[in-house]
């Protein structure tokens, strides 16, 4: 799948339930808010507090840009002023605490956001959805996380002797796994060893879900996880 790039395509129209998932890519460096008036009226108190907590101005600008455009996209889909979009967290499926999937109460769509470096990736769907984008991993990160993966994924990665090929395979596995776990709402609180998503060119979708790799350029890897319509009630 290939996302549409914000700034190169117009904002979407009102969301049509039952349609295919929609992906958007933001290059945050090209859309940095140039004044506080640009975002202070649109973001809520929690988002503004999170932005203030960033020590590095560049990281703060990335966060502000990514969340401002999330609200603009949601506002376009829901025919609302971005400042009127209410953002909540659904209950976690593991502990019921309010840190599960992000949501807009009563909205006809589900959404997810991921960012890495100067890129932010957004996914919208009529069923629960998760998305993940990552910069190319370091070899040390592969070695550190590999033992935590599903046994079949560990075997697949261990069998790869070329370091670059191994890093690419790990990146595919990691983004697929995180997209799925973000979609379920469990996130990284669930053991990485439980669900097999594969490290090869084609993802292996867990029961009730559809995983797809997302084309975001040579320096990043991304994946999308969407719950099957027939399983949307859980």
C-alpha atoms as a PDB file:
ATOM      1  CA  UNK A   1       0.000   0.000   0.000  1.00  0.00           C
ATOM      2  CA  UNK A   2       1.095   3.570  -0.668  1.00  0.00           C
ATOM      3  CA  UNK A   3      -0.145   6.526   1.418  1.00  0.00           C
ATOM      4  CA  UNK A   4      -1.152   9.902   0.077  1.00  0.00           C
ATOM      5  CA  UNK A   5       1.215  12.702   1.054  1.00  0.00           C
ATOM      6  CA  UNK A   6      -0.236  15.664   2.894  1.00  0.00           C
ATOM      7  CA  UNK A   7       0.438  18.875   1.020  1.00  0.00           C
ATOM      8  CA  UNK A   8       0.379  17.066  -2.321  1.00  0.00           C
ATOM      9  CA  UNK A   9      -3.269  15.976  -2.049  1.00  0.00           C
ATOM     10  CA  UNK A  10      -6.321  17.876  -0.768  1.00  0.00           C
ATOM     11  CA  UNK A  11      -7.851  16.964   2.566  1.00  0.00           C
ATOM     12  CA  UNK A  12     -10.416  14.169   2.337  1.00  0.00           C
ATOM     13  CA  UNK A  13     -14.176  14.511   2.322  1.00  0.00           C
ATOM     14  CA  UNK A  14     -16.580  13.142   4.907  1.00  0.00           C
ATOM     15  CA  UNK A  15     -15.880   9.556   5.934  1.00  0.00           C
ATOM     16  CA  UNK A  16     -17.898   6.855   4.175  1.00  0.00           C
ATOM     17  CA  UNK A  17     -18.407   3.853   6.491  1.00  0.00           C
ATOM     18  CA  UNK A  18     -17.469   0.513   4.985  1.00  0.00           C
ATOM     19  CA  UNK A  19     -14.928   1.900   2.552  1.00  0.00           C
ATOM     20  CA  UNK A  20     -11.297   0.771   2.313  1.00  0.00           C
ATOM     21  CA  UNK A  21      -8.666   1.978   4.784  1.00  0.00           C
ATOM     22  CA  UNK A  22      -7.029   5.289   3.945  1.00  0.00           C
ATOM     23  CA  UNK A  23      -3.397   6.176   4.623  1.00  0.00           C
ATOM     24  CA  UNK A  24      -1.750   9.600   4.779  1.00  0.00           C
ATOM     25  CA  UNK A  25       1.946  10.487   5.085  1.00  0.00           C
ATOM     26  CA  UNK A  26       3.209  13.748   6.581  1.00  0.00           C
ATOM     27  CA  UNK A  27       6.711  15.147   6.216  1.00  0.00           C
ATOM     28  CA  UNK A  28       6.757  17.103   9.460  1.00  0.00           C
ATOM     29  CA  UNK A  29       9.739  19.240   8.469  1.00  0.00           C
ATOM     30  CA  UNK A  30       7.639  20.704   5.638  1.00  0.00           C
ATOM     31  CA  UNK A  31       4.676  21.530   7.897  1.00  0.00           C
ATOM     32  CA  UNK A  32       6.173  22.858  11.121  1.00  0.00           C
ATOM     33  CA  UNK A  33       3.772  25.281  12.863  1.00  0.00           C
ATOM     34  CA  UNK A  34       5.425  28.683  12.604  1.00  0.00           C
ATOM     35  CA  UNK A  35       3.529  30.319  15.494  1.00  0.00           C
ATOM     36  CA  UNK A  36       1.733  29.196  18.630  1.00  0.00           C
ATOM     37  CA  UNK A  37      -1.516  30.643  17.253  1.00  0.00           C
ATOM     38  CA  UNK A  38      -1.387  27.912  14.611  1.00  0.00           C
ATOM     39  CA  UNK A  39      -1.884  25.103  17.110  1.00  0.00           C
ATOM     40  CA  UNK A  40      -2.905  26.457  20.519  1.00  0.00           C
ATOM     41  CA  UNK A  41      -6.559  26.821  19.550  1.00  0.00           C
ATOM     42  CA  UNK A  42      -6.701  23.363  17.941  1.00  0.00           C
ATOM     43  CA  UNK A  43      -4.885  21.050  20.356  1.00  0.00           C
ATOM     44  CA  UNK A  44      -6.343  20.071  23.720  1.00  0.00           C
ATOM     45  CA  UNK A  45      -4.699  20.582  27.115  1.00  0.00           C
ATOM     46  CA  UNK A  46      -3.222  17.085  27.184  1.00  0.00           C
ATOM     47  CA  UNK A  47      -1.600  17.523  23.764  1.00  0.00           C
ATOM     48  CA  UNK A  48      -0.204  20.939  24.687  1.00  0.00           C
ATOM     49  CA  UNK A  49       1.220  19.564  27.938  1.00  0.00           C
ATOM     50  CA  UNK A  50       2.863  16.707  26.055  1.00  0.00           C
ATOM     51  CA  UNK A  51       4.381  19.154  23.578  1.00  0.00           C
ATOM     52  CA  UNK A  52       5.750  21.311  26.387  1.00  0.00           C
ATOM     53  CA  UNK A  53       7.450  18.270  27.923  1.00  0.00           C
ATOM     54  CA  UNK A  54       9.778  17.841  24.937  1.00  0.00           C
ATOM     55  CA  UNK A  55      13.184  19.304  25.728  1.00  0.00           C
ATOM     56  CA  UNK A  56      14.430  19.574  22.155  1.00  0.00           C
ATOM     57  CA  UNK A  57      12.603  22.195  20.039  1.00  0.00           C
ATOM     58  CA  UNK A  58      12.872  19.987  16.953  1.00  0.00           C
ATOM     59  CA  UNK A  59      11.127  17.087  18.688  1.00  0.00           C
ATOM     60  CA  UNK A  60       8.448  19.466  19.975  1.00  0.00           C
ATOM     61  CA  UNK A  61       7.861  20.809  16.464  1.00  0.00           C
ATOM     62  CA  UNK A  62       7.509  17.260  15.082  1.00  0.00           C
ATOM     63  CA  UNK A  63       4.942  16.385  17.722  1.00  0.00           C
ATOM     64  CA  UNK A  64       2.933  19.571  17.188  1.00  0.00           C
ATOM     65  CA  UNK A  65       2.910  19.128  13.427  1.00  0.00           C
ATOM     66  CA  UNK A  66       1.879  15.465  13.601  1.00  0.00           C
ATOM     67  CA  UNK A  67      -0.974  16.058  16.047  1.00  0.00           C
ATOM     68  CA  UNK A  68      -2.213  19.226  14.379  1.00  0.00           C
ATOM     69  CA  UNK A  69      -2.546  17.330  11.100  1.00  0.00           C
ATOM     70  CA  UNK A  70      -4.223  14.405  12.859  1.00  0.00           C
ATOM     71  CA  UNK A  71      -6.908  16.820  14.006  1.00  0.00           C
ATOM     72  CA  UNK A  72      -7.172  18.371  10.549  1.00  0.00           C
ATOM     73  CA  UNK A  73      -7.667  14.950   8.970  1.00  0.00           C
ATOM     74  CA  UNK A  74     -10.211  13.888  11.583  1.00  0.00           C
ATOM     75  CA  UNK A  75     -11.981  17.214  11.202  1.00  0.00           C
ATOM     76  CA  UNK A  76     -12.210  16.705   7.438  1.00  0.00           C
ATOM     77  CA  UNK A  77     -13.517  13.131   7.781  1.00  0.00           C
ATOM     78  CA  UNK A  78     -16.031  14.071  10.484  1.00  0.00           C
ATOM     79  CA  UNK A  79     -16.967  17.508   9.100  1.00  0.00           C
ATOM     80  CA  UNK A  80     -15.844  19.196  12.313  1.00  0.00           C
ATOM     81  CA  UNK A  81     -13.589  22.065  13.284  1.00  0.00           C
ATOM     82  CA  UNK A  82     -10.292  20.368  14.282  1.00  0.00           C
ATOM     83  CA  UNK A  83     -10.547  22.016  17.717  1.00  0.00           C
ATOM     84  CA  UNK A  84     -13.969  20.361  18.238  1.00  0.00           C
ATOM     85  CA  UNK A  85     -12.600  16.833  17.769  1.00  0.00           C
ATOM     86  CA  UNK A  86     -12.668  15.025  21.122  1.00  0.00           C
ATOM     87  CA  UNK A  87      -9.832  12.533  21.541  1.00  0.00           C
ATOM     88  CA  UNK A  88      -9.996   9.743  24.113  1.00  0.00           C
ATOM     89  CA  UNK A  89      -8.286   6.450  24.868  1.00  0.00           C
ATOM     90  CA  UNK A  90     -10.356   3.270  24.844  1.00  0.00           C
ATOM     91  CA  UNK A  91      -9.931   0.702  27.639  1.00  0.00           C
ATOM     92  CA  UNK A  92      -6.885  -1.528  27.312  1.00  0.00           C
ATOM     93  CA  UNK A  93      -7.980  -5.076  26.411  1.00  0.00           C
ATOM     94  CA  UNK A  94      -5.440  -6.475  28.893  1.00  0.00           C
ATOM     95  CA  UNK A  95      -6.131  -4.398  32.017  1.00  0.00           C
ATOM     96  CA  UNK A  96      -9.140  -2.163  31.154  1.00  0.00           C
ATOM     97  CA  UNK A  97      -7.168   0.998  32.014  1.00  0.00           C
ATOM     98  CA  UNK A  98      -7.765   3.988  29.660  1.00  0.00           C
ATOM     99  CA  UNK A  99      -4.605   3.603  27.573  1.00  0.00           C
ATOM    100  CA  UNK A 100      -5.881   1.490  24.666  1.00  0.00           C
ATOM    101  CA  UNK A 101      -6.630   2.627  21.119  1.00  0.00           C
ATOM    102  CA  UNK A 102      -7.122   6.362  20.476  1.00  0.00           C
ATOM    103  CA  UNK A 103     -10.681   7.182  19.458  1.00  0.00           C
ATOM    104  CA  UNK A 104     -13.258   9.881  18.841  1.00  0.00           C
ATOM    105  CA  UNK A 105     -16.417   9.002  20.807  1.00  0.00           C
ATOM    106  CA  UNK A 106     -19.296   8.017  18.531  1.00  0.00           C
ATOM    107  CA  UNK A 107     -17.303   8.502  15.317  1.00  0.00           C
ATOM    108  CA  UNK A 108     -17.883   6.170  12.352  1.00  0.00           C
ATOM    109  CA  UNK A 109     -14.169   5.606  11.846  1.00  0.00           C
ATOM    110  CA  UNK A 110     -11.123   4.273  13.661  1.00  0.00           C
ATOM    111  CA  UNK A 111      -7.671   5.817  13.346  1.00  0.00           C
ATOM    112  CA  UNK A 112      -4.047   5.460  14.342  1.00  0.00           C
ATOM    113  CA  UNK A 113      -0.879   7.558  14.143  1.00  0.00           C
ATOM    114  CA  UNK A 114       2.795   6.651  14.134  1.00  0.00           C
ATOM    115  CA  UNK A 115       5.839   8.842  13.584  1.00  0.00           C
ATOM    116  CA  UNK A 116       9.545   8.265  13.073  1.00  0.00           C
ATOM    117  CA  UNK A 117      12.054  10.978  12.394  1.00  0.00           C
ATOM    118  CA  UNK A 118      10.497  13.590  10.134  1.00  0.00           C
ATOM    119  CA  UNK A 119       7.694  11.303   8.922  1.00  0.00           C
ATOM    120  CA  UNK A 120       4.257  10.728  10.415  1.00  0.00           C
ATOM    121  CA  UNK A 121       1.901   8.049   9.107  1.00  0.00           C
ATOM    122  CA  UNK A 122      -1.871   8.083   9.640  1.00  0.00           C
ATOM    123  CA  UNK A 123      -4.387   5.299   9.096  1.00  0.00           C
ATOM    124  CA  UNK A 124      -8.183   5.530   9.027  1.00  0.00           C
ATOM    125  CA  UNK A 125     -10.609   2.627   8.684  1.00  0.00           C
ATOM    126  CA  UNK A 126     -14.161   1.530   9.450  1.00  0.00           C
ATOM    127  CA  UNK A 127     -12.814  -1.151  11.822  1.00  0.00           C
ATOM    128  CA  UNK A 128     -10.027  -1.021  14.442  1.00  0.00           C
ATOM    129  CA  UNK A 129      -6.725  -0.152  12.824  1.00  0.00           C
ATOM    130  CA  UNK A 130      -3.073   0.163  13.761  1.00  0.00           C
ATOM    131  CA  UNK A 131      -0.107   1.588  11.899  1.00  0.00           C
ATOM    132  CA  UNK A 132       3.625   1.744  12.550  1.00  0.00           C
ATOM    133  CA  UNK A 133       6.526   3.484  10.840  1.00  0.00           C
ATOM    134  CA  UNK A 134      10.159   3.096  11.837  1.00  0.00           C
ATOM    135  CA  UNK A 135      13.549   4.349  10.722  1.00  0.00           C
ATOM    136  CA  UNK A 136      16.059   1.728   9.613  1.00  0.00           C
ATOM    137  CA  UNK A 137      17.055  -0.172  12.779  1.00  0.00           C
ATOM    138  CA  UNK A 138      20.579  -0.433  14.079  1.00  0.00           C
ATOM    139  CA  UNK A 139      22.127  -3.899  14.232  1.00  0.00           C
ATOM    140  CA  UNK A 140      22.330  -3.623  18.029  1.00  0.00           C
ATOM    141  CA  UNK A 141      18.550  -3.073  18.222  1.00  0.00           C
ATOM    142  CA  UNK A 142      17.974  -6.229  16.188  1.00  0.00           C
ATOM    143  CA  UNK A 143      20.208  -8.250  18.517  1.00  0.00           C
ATOM    144  CA  UNK A 144      18.566  -6.830  21.637  1.00  0.00           C
ATOM    145  CA  UNK A 145      14.935  -7.420  20.591  1.00  0.00           C
ATOM    146  CA  UNK A 146      15.301 -10.642  18.572  1.00  0.00           C
ATOM    147  CA  UNK A 147      15.054 -13.005  21.602  1.00  0.00           C
ATOM    148  CA  UNK A 148      11.661 -11.492  22.508  1.00  0.00           C
ATOM    149  CA  UNK A 149      10.003 -12.344  19.174  1.00  0.00           C
ATOM    150  CA  UNK A 150       7.908 -15.358  18.191  1.00  0.00           C
ATOM    151  CA  UNK A 151      10.031 -18.539  17.927  1.00  0.00           C
ATOM    152  CA  UNK A 152       9.423 -18.807  14.174  1.00  0.00           C
ATOM    153  CA  UNK A 153      10.477 -15.188  13.691  1.00  0.00           C
ATOM    154  CA  UNK A 154      13.621 -15.788  15.731  1.00  0.00           C
ATOM    155  CA  UNK A 155      14.459 -18.753  13.491  1.00  0.00           C
ATOM    156  CA  UNK A 156      13.844 -16.734  10.312  1.00  0.00           C
ATOM    157  CA  UNK A 157      16.079 -13.877  11.417  1.00  0.00           C
ATOM    158  CA  UNK A 158      18.801 -16.125  12.791  1.00  0.00           C
ATOM    159  CA  UNK A 159      18.986 -17.906   9.436  1.00  0.00           C
ATOM    160  CA  UNK A 160      19.896 -14.645   7.659  1.00  0.00           C
ATOM    161  CA  UNK A 161      23.665 -14.171   7.527  1.00  0.00           C
ATOM    162  CA  UNK A 162      23.751 -10.890   5.589  1.00  0.00           C
ATOM    163  CA  UNK A 163      23.532  -8.014   8.140  1.00  0.00           C
ATOM    164  CA  UNK A 164      21.605  -5.648   5.841  1.00  0.00           C
ATOM    165  CA  UNK A 165      19.128  -8.337   4.862  1.00  0.00           C
ATOM    166  CA  UNK A 166      18.643  -9.216   8.505  1.00  0.00           C
ATOM    167  CA  UNK A 167      17.969  -5.603   9.476  1.00  0.00           C
ATOM    168  CA  UNK A 168      15.418  -5.243   6.684  1.00  0.00           C
ATOM    169  CA  UNK A 169      13.667  -8.462   7.682  1.00  0.00           C
ATOM    170  CA  UNK A 170      13.589  -7.389  11.327  1.00  0.00           C
ATOM    171  CA  UNK A 171      12.123  -4.000  10.364  1.00  0.00           C
ATOM    172  CA  UNK A 172       9.326  -5.711   8.436  1.00  0.00           C
ATOM    173  CA  UNK A 173       8.577  -7.990  11.366  1.00  0.00           C
ATOM    174  CA  UNK A 174       8.684  -5.212  13.943  1.00  0.00           C
ATOM    175  CA  UNK A 175       6.414  -2.767  12.100  1.00  0.00           C
ATOM    176  CA  UNK A 176       3.871  -5.504  11.310  1.00  0.00           C
ATOM    177  CA  UNK A 177       3.831  -6.644  14.907  1.00  0.00           C
ATOM    178  CA  UNK A 178       3.494  -3.157  16.335  1.00  0.00           C
ATOM    179  CA  UNK A 179       0.788  -2.181  13.824  1.00  0.00           C
ATOM    180  CA  UNK A 180      -1.199  -5.246  14.884  1.00  0.00           C
ATOM    181  CA  UNK A 181      -0.705  -4.629  18.613  1.00  0.00           C
ATOM    182  CA  UNK A 182      -1.636  -0.967  18.267  1.00  0.00           C
ATOM    183  CA  UNK A 183      -4.730  -2.049  16.378  1.00  0.00           C
ATOM    184  CA  UNK A 184      -5.822  -4.423  19.127  1.00  0.00           C
ATOM    185  CA  UNK A 185      -5.141  -1.752  21.733  1.00  0.00           C
ATOM    186  CA  UNK A 186      -2.810  -4.003  23.725  1.00  0.00           C
ATOM    187  CA  UNK A 187       0.356  -2.331  22.453  1.00  0.00           C
ATOM    188  CA  UNK A 188       3.708  -3.499  23.735  1.00  0.00           C
ATOM    189  CA  UNK A 189       2.121  -4.610  27.015  1.00  0.00           C
ATOM    190  CA  UNK A 190       1.432  -7.882  25.172  1.00  0.00           C
ATOM    191  CA  UNK A 191       4.360 -10.258  24.774  1.00  0.00           C
ATOM    192  CA  UNK A 192       6.066  -9.984  21.384  1.00  0.00           C
ATOM    193  CA  UNK A 193       6.378 -13.768  21.323  1.00  0.00           C
ATOM    194  CA  UNK A 194       2.646 -14.515  21.187  1.00  0.00           C
ATOM    195  CA  UNK A 195       1.716 -13.550  17.624  1.00  0.00           C
ATOM    196  CA  UNK A 196       3.539 -14.573  14.443  1.00  0.00           C
ATOM    197  CA  UNK A 197       3.579 -11.968  11.657  1.00  0.00           C
ATOM    198  CA  UNK A 198       6.610 -13.171   9.653  1.00  0.00           C
ATOM    199  CA  UNK A 199       9.852 -11.577   8.529  1.00  0.00           C
ATOM    200  CA  UNK A 200       9.667 -12.361   4.818  1.00  0.00           C
ATOM    201  CA  UNK A 201       8.453 -10.242   1.899  1.00  0.00           C
ATOM    202  CA  UNK A 202       4.777 -11.004   2.641  1.00  0.00           C
ATOM    203  CA  UNK A 203       3.214 -10.483   6.076  1.00  0.00           C
ATOM    204  CA  UNK A 204       1.347 -13.256   7.855  1.00  0.00           C
ATOM    205  CA  UNK A 205      -1.934 -11.886   9.204  1.00  0.00           C
ATOM    206  CA  UNK A 206      -3.202 -12.967  12.643  1.00  0.00           C
ATOM    207  CA  UNK A 207      -6.702 -14.432  12.784  1.00  0.00           C
ATOM    208  CA  UNK A 208      -9.315 -11.744  12.250  1.00  0.00           C
ATOM    209  CA  UNK A 209      -6.820  -9.173  10.977  1.00  0.00           C
ATOM    210  CA  UNK A 210      -5.218  -8.123   7.696  1.00  0.00           C
ATOM    211  CA  UNK A 211      -1.604  -6.946   7.733  1.00  0.00           C
ATOM    212  CA  UNK A 212      -0.072  -4.998   4.838  1.00  0.00           C
ATOM    213  CA  UNK A 213       3.349  -3.472   4.310  1.00  0.00           C
ATOM    214  CA  UNK A 214       3.262   0.249   3.486  1.00  0.00           C
ATOM    215  CA  UNK A 215       5.632   1.925   1.011  1.00  0.00           C
ATOM    216  CA  UNK A 216       7.180   4.995   2.679  1.00  0.00           C
ATOM    217  CA  UNK A 217      10.586   5.303   1.035  1.00  0.00           C
ATOM    218  CA  UNK A 218      14.004   3.618   1.346  1.00  0.00           C
ATOM    219  CA  UNK A 219      14.937   4.953   4.790  1.00  0.00           C
ATOM    220  CA  UNK A 220      11.786   3.848   6.627  1.00  0.00           C
ATOM    221  CA  UNK A 221       9.660   0.727   7.017  1.00  0.00           C
ATOM    222  CA  UNK A 222       5.937   0.757   7.768  1.00  0.00           C
ATOM    223  CA  UNK A 223       2.974  -1.557   8.138  1.00  0.00           C
ATOM    224  CA  UNK A 224      -0.802  -1.413   8.524  1.00  0.00           C
ATOM    225  CA  UNK A 225      -3.071  -3.711  10.529  1.00  0.00           C
ATOM    226  CA  UNK A 226      -6.846  -3.653  10.015  1.00  0.00           C
ATOM    227  CA  UNK A 227      -9.431  -5.769  11.796  1.00  0.00           C
ATOM    228  CA  UNK A 228     -11.595  -7.833   9.456  1.00  0.00           C
ATOM    229  CA  UNK A 229     -15.129  -6.418   9.118  1.00  0.00           C
ATOM    230  CA  UNK A 230     -16.754  -9.660  10.251  1.00  0.00           C
ATOM    231  CA  UNK A 231     -14.806  -9.413  13.532  1.00  0.00           C
ATOM    232  CA  UNK A 232     -15.486  -5.748  14.242  1.00  0.00           C
ATOM    233  CA  UNK A 233     -17.589  -6.231  17.370  1.00  0.00           C
ATOM    234  CA  UNK A 234     -14.721  -7.270  19.692  1.00  0.00           C
END
